[in-house]
Amino acid sequence: MPISRIDAIQLFDLDLSRRGRIPDLRKLLDIDAESAAYTRYTESFEWIFEAQSTPGDAKDRTIDPTLQYLSQKVNCPYSPPGFDRFALTEDPSDSHDRGGVITLSQDLQAGMVCTWGSYLGTSDALAIKHSLSVDISAHYLKQLSGLFDYISEGHLMYPFIGLRYASSELDEVLRDDGIILGMVLSGGLDHEFDDTMRSYVSKGLSLRRYEGLFLQSSGGLGVYVSGTESTAEADLDLYERTLFRAVQVCEICLLEQRMLRTFKSIADKDAKKVRIFPRPFLIEKRREELLILENEMVKSLPFRSPESVPLVRKAQEIFQVPSFLQDAKDSYNFLETRYQNTKTTALATVAVVAYILDRLKVWNTIARLIAGLFGQHR
């Protein structure tokens, strides 16, 4: 069936744990940059989550104490809790490029770079997916140079392909093009059977009648039909907004993966630090970090719409976020157990040393020395 538009979105996650807390992000990135990708991110964000907000001042509270304003503490309040967003300008030498976005946190040591390319519907969607680079292009790296000192590593690129059909019947599209759609989703490199390809797109996550949303841990696919809105312009606007709503569902899951992987790696390294000397403040810091990750970034996200809760929860299962969370908990539990063992050993050692010193009358000698010193000063 005829495809009118193909979009390829690439998501690159970043580990920002190389150094400590990142300073003011607005001094490291271009706050005046603009891109079509950034615009679509901000427009579709509240289809899933609440924007970051702040209460009114004393005067506002006398009128309405429940009134909330968009937060001025971040460059973009349409970001996940604890994160901020900045636009990345498009590459003028690439006619398909529509710009990018970087989403990152000063404290949570994670970031995500998104780039967006649009293609004519006559292009080969599978060939486009195979042609995507696994590395961030030099054009975008140049815009991120202020963050280089904080980047520890990146992970594999996550591709999301959006296909907009001229047809208005989603079921018909999925039935007729099920094999090729399954190949676009999986990459088609494993040469699966046709029935397997169809099964990949047999049950989507979205409840919207014009959207088929299919996710795997290695890539995503959005299939969209036309004619939902009354005008062509409104229909295109709906497509792009819905596309980036789906992209942000993938993004939050990838950010959760990154933060939990980073926490696990740090906790495993900390376990080596407490083998000899107990470090109670370090353990308390890691405990607080784990609680923030679990409660604020995984379990209690600021959902806004009724569809967003089941949509994100299903996506978390696909991206194995609960498994990553359990791995992080296991690493923390091992860290705390080793700390408790080291603390017990240290206390026992102190007790034994104190007992030996007491038997050797060392404390009596020390007491006489102190008494003598005080006696000299009288």
Protein backbone atom coordinates (compact mmCIF):
# COMPACT_ATOMS: atom_id res chain seq x y z
CA MET A 1 0.00 0.00 0.00
CA PRO A 2 1.25 3.54 -0.76
CA ILE A 3 3.37 5.25 1.90
CA SER A 4 3.36 9.06 1.87
CA ARG A 5 6.10 9.70 4.42
CA ILE A 6 8.95 7.92 6.19
CA ASP A 7 10.63 9.28 9.32
CA ALA A 8 13.73 7.92 11.01
CA ILE A 9 14.45 8.94 14.60
CA GLN A 10 17.67 7.91 16.30
CA LEU A 11 18.11 7.87 20.07
CA PHE A 12 21.60 7.78 21.60
CA ASP A 13 21.87 7.41 25.38
CA LEU A 14 24.77 8.96 27.28
CA ASP A 15 26.44 8.08 30.57
CA LEU A 16 27.35 11.40 32.20
CA SER A 17 29.04 9.97 35.30
CA ARG A 18 32.65 10.73 34.36
CA ARG A 19 32.76 13.71 36.69
CA GLY A 20 30.54 15.08 39.42
CA ARG A 21 27.41 17.15 39.11
CA ILE A 22 27.18 19.01 35.81
CA PRO A 23 27.14 22.81 36.23
CA ASP A 24 24.47 25.08 34.76
CA LEU A 25 23.50 23.37 31.51
CA ARG A 26 22.50 26.70 29.96
CA LYS A 27 26.17 27.68 30.00
CA LEU A 28 27.28 24.51 28.23
CA LEU A 29 24.65 24.30 25.48
CA ASP A 30 23.11 26.78 23.05
CA ILE A 31 19.85 27.99 24.61
CA ASP A 32 18.94 29.91 21.44
CA ALA A 33 19.13 26.91 19.10
CA GLU A 34 15.94 25.86 17.31
CA SER A 35 14.86 22.72 15.49
CA ALA A 36 11.68 21.05 14.24
CA ALA A 37 12.48 18.06 16.43
CA TYR A 38 12.58 20.24 19.56
CA THR A 39 9.24 21.82 18.64
CA ARG A 40 7.56 18.44 18.24
CA TYR A 41 9.06 17.23 21.51
CA THR A 42 7.57 20.13 23.45
CA GLU A 43 4.20 19.91 21.71
CA SER A 44 3.70 16.21 22.39
CA PHE A 45 5.23 15.96 25.87
CA GLU A 46 1.99 16.70 27.74
CA TRP A 47 0.27 13.90 25.87
CA ILE A 48 2.20 11.68 28.29
CA PHE A 49 3.57 13.59 31.30
CA GLU A 50 2.95 16.73 33.30
CA ALA A 51 5.31 19.61 32.56
CA GLN A 52 7.69 20.76 35.28
CA SER A 53 5.97 23.50 37.28
CA THR A 54 6.42 25.82 40.21
CA PRO A 55 3.85 27.44 42.55
CA GLY A 56 2.97 31.12 42.31
CA ASP A 57 4.39 33.84 44.53
CA ALA A 58 2.75 35.25 47.67
CA LYS A 59 0.49 37.55 45.65
CA ASP A 60 -0.69 34.73 43.39
CA ARG A 61 -1.43 32.52 46.39
CA THR A 62 -3.85 35.10 47.78
CA ILE A 63 -5.88 34.64 44.61
CA ASP A 64 -5.44 30.91 43.95
CA PRO A 65 -3.01 28.81 46.03
CA THR A 66 -3.39 25.87 43.63
CA LEU A 67 -2.11 27.81 40.62
CA GLN A 68 1.07 26.42 39.04
CA TYR A 69 3.38 28.03 36.49
CA LEU A 70 5.86 26.47 34.09
CA SER A 71 9.21 26.14 35.82
CA GLN A 72 11.77 28.83 35.04
CA LYS A 73 14.60 26.81 36.57
CA VAL A 74 15.07 24.79 33.39
CA ASN A 75 15.47 25.65 29.74
CA CYS A 76 12.52 23.43 28.79
CA PRO A 77 9.85 22.54 31.36
CA TYR A 78 8.48 19.96 28.93
CA SER A 79 11.03 17.44 30.15
CA PRO A 80 10.97 14.38 32.45
CA PRO A 81 11.40 15.14 36.17
CA GLY A 82 14.99 16.03 36.99
CA PHE A 83 15.85 16.58 33.30
CA ASP A 84 16.16 19.48 30.90
CA ARG A 85 16.03 19.74 27.10
CA PHE A 86 17.89 21.76 24.49
CA ALA A 87 17.44 22.01 20.73
CA LEU A 88 20.15 20.87 18.34
CA THR A 89 20.17 22.63 14.97
CA GLU A 90 19.79 20.64 11.77
CA ASP A 91 22.63 19.86 9.41
CA PRO A 92 22.27 22.20 6.40
CA SER A 93 24.21 19.77 4.22
CA ASP A 94 21.62 17.00 4.79
CA SER A 95 18.29 17.62 3.08
CA HIS A 96 16.60 14.94 5.20
CA ASP A 97 17.73 16.33 8.56
CA ARG A 98 15.12 18.09 10.71
CA GLY A 99 17.26 18.76 13.72
CA GLY A 100 17.66 17.14 17.07
CA VAL A 101 17.19 17.36 20.83
CA ILE A 102 19.34 16.58 23.83
CA THR A 103 17.63 15.59 27.08
CA LEU A 104 19.88 15.39 30.14
CA SER A 105 20.08 15.74 33.90
CA GLN A 106 22.61 17.61 36.02
CA ASP A 107 22.22 15.19 38.93
CA LEU A 108 21.05 11.85 37.51
CA GLN A 109 24.11 11.40 35.27
CA ALA A 110 22.19 10.42 32.14
CA GLY A 111 21.34 11.97 28.82
CA MET A 112 19.68 11.22 25.49
CA VAL A 113 20.43 12.63 22.05
CA CYS A 114 17.65 12.46 19.46
CA THR A 115 18.05 13.19 15.75
CA TRP A 116 15.25 13.26 13.17
CA GLY A 117 15.33 12.59 9.45
CA SER A 118 12.36 12.72 7.03
CA TYR A 119 12.11 10.95 3.69
CA LEU A 120 9.68 10.67 0.81
CA GLY A 121 7.24 7.78 0.91
CA THR A 122 8.76 6.37 -2.27
CA SER A 123 11.98 5.58 -0.41
CA ASP A 124 12.81 2.12 0.91
CA ALA A 125 12.06 2.13 4.66
CA LEU A 126 14.15 -0.97 5.37
CA ALA A 127 17.13 0.44 3.44
CA ILE A 128 16.81 3.70 5.40
CA LYS A 129 16.91 1.81 8.69
CA HIS A 130 19.96 -0.19 7.61
CA SER A 131 21.73 3.02 6.54
CA LEU A 132 21.40 4.73 9.93
CA SER A 133 24.74 5.34 11.62
CA VAL A 134 25.33 3.83 15.05
CA ASP A 135 27.36 6.92 16.00
CA ILE A 136 26.33 10.52 16.61
CA SER A 137 27.28 12.55 13.56
CA ALA A 138 30.07 15.13 13.67
CA HIS A 139 27.53 17.92 13.13
CA TYR A 140 25.73 17.08 16.37
CA LEU A 141 28.88 16.19 18.31
CA LYS A 142 30.14 19.71 17.68
CA GLN A 143 27.03 21.10 19.41
CA LEU A 144 27.63 18.78 22.38
CA SER A 145 31.32 19.63 22.84
CA GLY A 146 30.61 21.47 26.11
CA LEU A 147 29.60 18.15 27.66
CA PHE A 148 32.59 16.08 26.56
CA ASP A 149 34.29 16.25 29.97
CA TYR A 150 31.24 14.67 31.61
CA ILE A 151 30.50 11.88 29.11
CA SER A 152 31.76 8.51 30.29
CA GLU A 153 30.31 6.38 27.50
CA GLY A 154 27.41 5.93 25.12
CA HIS A 155 25.30 2.92 24.25
CA LEU A 156 23.99 1.48 21.01
CA MET A 157 21.77 3.67 18.85
CA TYR A 158 18.03 2.99 19.15
CA PRO A 159 16.17 3.48 15.85
CA PHE A 160 12.49 4.39 15.63
CA ILE A 161 10.86 4.34 12.19
CA GLY A 162 7.60 6.17 11.47
CA LEU A 163 5.56 5.22 8.39
CA ARG A 164 2.63 7.38 7.29
CA TYR A 165 0.26 5.70 4.85
CA ALA A 166 -2.08 7.41 2.41
CA SER A 167 -4.76 4.88 3.41
CA SER A 168 -7.21 5.58 6.23
CA GLU A 169 -7.65 1.92 7.28
CA LEU A 170 -5.06 0.75 9.79
CA ASP A 171 -6.25 -2.87 9.92
CA GLU A 172 -6.01 -3.12 6.15
CA VAL A 173 -2.48 -1.71 6.14
CA LEU A 174 -1.30 -4.14 8.82
CA ARG A 175 -2.90 -7.06 7.04
CA ASP A 176 -1.55 -6.30 3.58
CA ASP A 177 1.92 -5.06 4.58
CA GLY A 178 2.44 -7.16 7.69
CA ILE A 179 5.52 -8.96 6.40
CA ILE A 180 7.44 -5.87 5.28
CA LEU A 181 6.41 -3.99 8.43
CA GLY A 182 7.74 -6.84 10.54
CA MET A 183 11.00 -6.66 8.61
CA VAL A 184 11.27 -2.90 9.18
CA LEU A 185 10.69 -3.39 12.91
CA SER A 186 13.13 -6.28 13.39
CA GLY A 187 15.63 -5.28 10.72
CA GLY A 188 15.05 -8.49 8.77
CA LEU A 189 18.62 -9.64 9.35
CA ASP A 190 17.64 -12.95 10.99
CA HIS A 191 15.61 -14.13 7.96
CA GLU A 192 12.58 -15.09 10.03
CA PHE A 193 9.51 -16.84 8.60
CA ASP A 194 6.71 -14.70 7.17
CA ASP A 195 4.39 -15.68 10.02
CA THR A 196 7.00 -14.49 12.50
CA MET A 197 7.25 -11.15 10.68
CA ARG A 198 3.49 -10.73 10.82
CA SER A 199 3.43 -11.61 14.51
CA TYR A 200 5.76 -8.68 15.26
CA VAL A 201 3.03 -6.25 14.17
CA SER A 202 -0.02 -8.26 15.21
CA LYS A 203 -0.61 -6.46 18.51
CA GLY A 204 0.34 -2.86 19.06
CA LEU A 205 0.63 -0.82 22.24
CA SER A 206 -1.48 2.13 21.10
CA LEU A 207 -5.25 2.42 21.55
CA ARG A 208 -5.53 5.11 18.86
CA ARG A 209 -7.33 4.00 15.73
CA TYR A 210 -4.87 5.71 13.41
CA GLU A 211 -1.69 4.41 15.06
CA GLY A 212 -0.01 1.05 15.24
CA LEU A 213 2.82 1.25 17.77
CA PHE A 214 5.21 -1.70 17.93
CA LEU A 215 8.29 -1.79 20.14
CA GLN A 216 11.21 -4.10 20.65
CA SER A 217 14.22 -3.55 22.88
CA SER A 218 16.31 -3.05 19.73
CA GLY A 219 14.04 -0.73 17.76
CA GLY A 220 10.57 0.73 17.34
CA LEU A 221 8.00 1.17 14.57
CA GLY A 222 5.04 3.49 14.31
CA VAL A 223 2.49 2.88 11.55
CA TYR A 224 0.05 5.75 10.91
CA VAL A 225 -2.86 6.17 8.55
CA SER A 226 -4.24 9.39 7.09
CA GLY A 227 -7.62 11.08 7.04
CA THR A 228 -8.19 11.31 10.80
CA GLU A 229 -8.40 15.13 10.79
CA SER A 230 -10.55 17.28 8.53
CA THR A 231 -7.65 18.95 6.68
CA ALA A 232 -4.38 17.68 5.27
CA GLU A 233 -2.41 20.18 7.37
CA ALA A 234 -4.10 19.13 10.61
CA ASP A 235 -3.65 15.48 9.70
CA LEU A 236 0.09 15.96 9.15
CA ASP A 237 0.35 17.84 12.44
CA LEU A 238 -1.43 14.99 14.23
CA TYR A 239 0.94 12.47 12.66
CA GLU A 240 4.11 14.28 13.75
CA ARG A 241 2.84 14.92 17.27
CA THR A 242 1.78 11.32 17.71
CA LEU A 243 5.10 10.15 16.28
CA PHE A 244 7.07 12.10 18.86
CA ARG A 245 4.77 11.02 21.66
CA ALA A 246 5.79 7.46 20.77
CA VAL A 247 9.45 8.47 20.57
CA GLN A 248 9.27 9.96 24.07
CA VAL A 249 7.80 6.72 25.43
CA CYS A 250 10.91 4.96 24.12
CA GLU A 251 13.12 7.75 25.41
CA ILE A 252 11.93 7.53 29.03
CA CYS A 253 12.51 3.76 29.02
CA LEU A 254 16.00 4.16 27.56
CA LEU A 255 16.81 6.85 30.13
CA GLU A 256 15.64 4.52 32.89
CA GLN A 257 17.87 1.77 31.50
CA ARG A 258 20.84 4.12 31.36
CA MET A 259 20.38 5.47 34.90
CA LEU A 260 19.95 2.00 36.38
CA ARG A 261 22.98 0.64 34.49
CA THR A 262 25.08 3.57 35.65
CA PHE A 263 23.93 3.14 39.25
CA LYS A 264 24.75 -0.58 39.15
CA SER A 265 28.22 0.11 37.77
CA ILE A 266 28.94 2.73 40.44
CA ALA A 267 27.60 0.51 43.24
CA ASP A 268 29.77 -2.38 42.06
CA LYS A 269 32.83 -0.12 42.16
CA ASP A 270 31.87 1.19 45.60
CA ALA A 271 31.72 -2.38 46.91
CA LYS A 272 35.49 -2.55 46.42
CA LYS A 273 35.97 0.67 48.36
CA VAL A 274 34.34 -0.65 51.54
CA ARG A 275 36.26 -3.91 51.78
CA ILE A 276 38.71 -2.43 54.31
CA PHE A 277 37.14 0.75 55.67
CA PRO A 278 33.39 1.21 56.25
CA ARG A 279 32.00 4.34 54.60
CA PRO A 280 28.54 5.02 56.06
CA PHE A 281 27.97 8.32 54.23
CA LEU A 282 28.70 6.67 50.89
CA ILE A 283 26.17 3.92 51.62
CA GLU A 284 23.53 6.46 52.62
CA LYS A 285 24.15 8.45 49.43
CA ARG A 286 23.70 5.36 47.24
CA ARG A 287 20.54 4.39 49.14
CA GLU A 288 19.00 7.80 48.47
CA GLU A 289 19.98 7.64 44.79
CA LEU A 290 18.35 4.23 44.40
CA LEU A 291 15.16 5.43 46.06
CA ILE A 292 14.99 8.40 43.68
CA LEU A 293 15.50 6.17 40.65
CA GLU A 294 12.91 3.64 41.76
CA ASN A 295 10.23 5.99 43.04
CA GLU A 296 10.55 9.13 40.91
CA MET A 297 11.91 7.80 37.63
CA VAL A 298 10.33 4.34 37.34
CA LYS A 299 7.27 3.87 39.55
CA SER A 300 5.85 7.37 40.08
CA LEU A 301 6.29 9.25 36.83
CA PRO A 302 4.04 12.35 36.49
CA PHE A 303 1.53 10.81 34.09
CA ARG A 304 -0.93 13.24 32.54
CA SER A 305 -3.23 11.29 30.21
CA PRO A 306 -5.21 8.07 30.78
CA GLU A 307 -3.47 6.31 27.89
CA SER A 308 0.02 7.17 29.10
CA VAL A 309 0.03 4.86 32.14
CA PRO A 310 -0.60 1.52 30.36
CA LEU A 311 1.45 2.69 27.38
CA VAL A 312 4.58 3.44 29.42
CA ARG A 313 4.14 0.40 31.69
CA LYS A 314 3.96 -1.94 28.69
CA ALA A 315 6.97 -0.23 27.16
CA GLN A 316 8.92 -0.64 30.40
CA GLU A 317 8.29 -4.37 30.26
CA ILE A 318 9.52 -4.53 26.66
CA PHE A 319 12.66 -2.56 27.56
CA GLN A 320 13.16 -4.82 30.61
CA VAL A 321 13.21 -1.86 33.01
CA PRO A 322 11.98 -3.99 35.97
CA SER A 323 14.91 -6.35 35.37
CA PHE A 324 17.38 -3.44 35.27
CA LEU A 325 15.86 -2.12 38.49
CA GLN A 326 16.29 -5.48 40.19
CA ASP A 327 19.91 -5.66 39.04
CA ALA A 328 20.52 -2.21 40.54
CA LYS A 329 18.90 -3.30 43.80
CA ASP A 330 21.03 -6.46 43.89
CA SER A 331 24.20 -4.40 43.47
CA TYR A 332 23.14 -2.04 46.25
CA ASN A 333 22.26 -4.95 48.54
CA PHE A 334 25.69 -6.48 47.92
CA LEU A 335 27.30 -3.09 48.64
CA GLU A 336 25.39 -2.70 51.90
CA THR A 337 26.13 -6.30 52.96
CA ARG A 338 29.83 -5.82 52.36
CA TYR A 339 29.69 -2.52 54.27
CA GLN A 340 27.98 -4.21 57.22
CA ASN A 341 30.60 -6.98 57.23
CA THR A 342 33.44 -4.46 57.09
CA LYS A 343 31.83 -2.38 59.84
CA THR A 344 31.39 -5.46 62.04
CA THR A 345 35.00 -6.48 61.45
CA ALA A 346 36.21 -2.96 62.21
CA LEU A 347 34.22 -2.77 65.45
CA ALA A 348 35.48 -6.19 66.50
CA THR A 349 39.06 -5.14 65.72
CA VAL A 350 38.65 -1.97 67.78
CA ALA A 351 37.22 -3.99 70.67
CA VAL A 352 40.12 -6.48 70.59
CA VAL A 353 42.73 -3.72 70.41
CA ALA A 354 41.05 -1.86 73.28
CA TYR A 355 41.02 -5.07 75.37
CA ILE A 356 44.72 -5.76 74.70
CA LEU A 357 45.65 -2.18 75.56
CA ASP A 358 43.67 -2.47 78.75
CA ARG A 359 45.45 -5.69 79.74
CA LEU A 360 48.80 -4.02 79.09
CA LYS A 361 47.79 -1.14 81.38
CA VAL A 362 48.25 1.29 78.49
CA TRP A 363 45.14 3.22 79.48
CA ASN A 364 46.52 3.68 83.00
CA THR A 365 49.76 5.03 81.59
CA ILE A 366 47.88 7.41 79.31
CA ALA A 367 45.73 8.55 82.22
CA ARG A 368 48.84 9.31 84.34
CA LEU A 369 50.43 11.23 81.47
CA ILE A 370 47.31 13.34 81.03
CA ALA A 371 47.06 13.93 84.75
CA GLY A 372 50.73 14.99 84.81
CA LEU A 373 50.20 17.42 81.95
CA PHE A 374 47.23 19.03 83.66
CA GLY A 375 49.20 19.14 86.92
CA GLN A 376 52.01 21.10 85.25
CA HIS A 377 49.58 23.76 84.04
CA ARG A 378 48.09 24.39 87.49
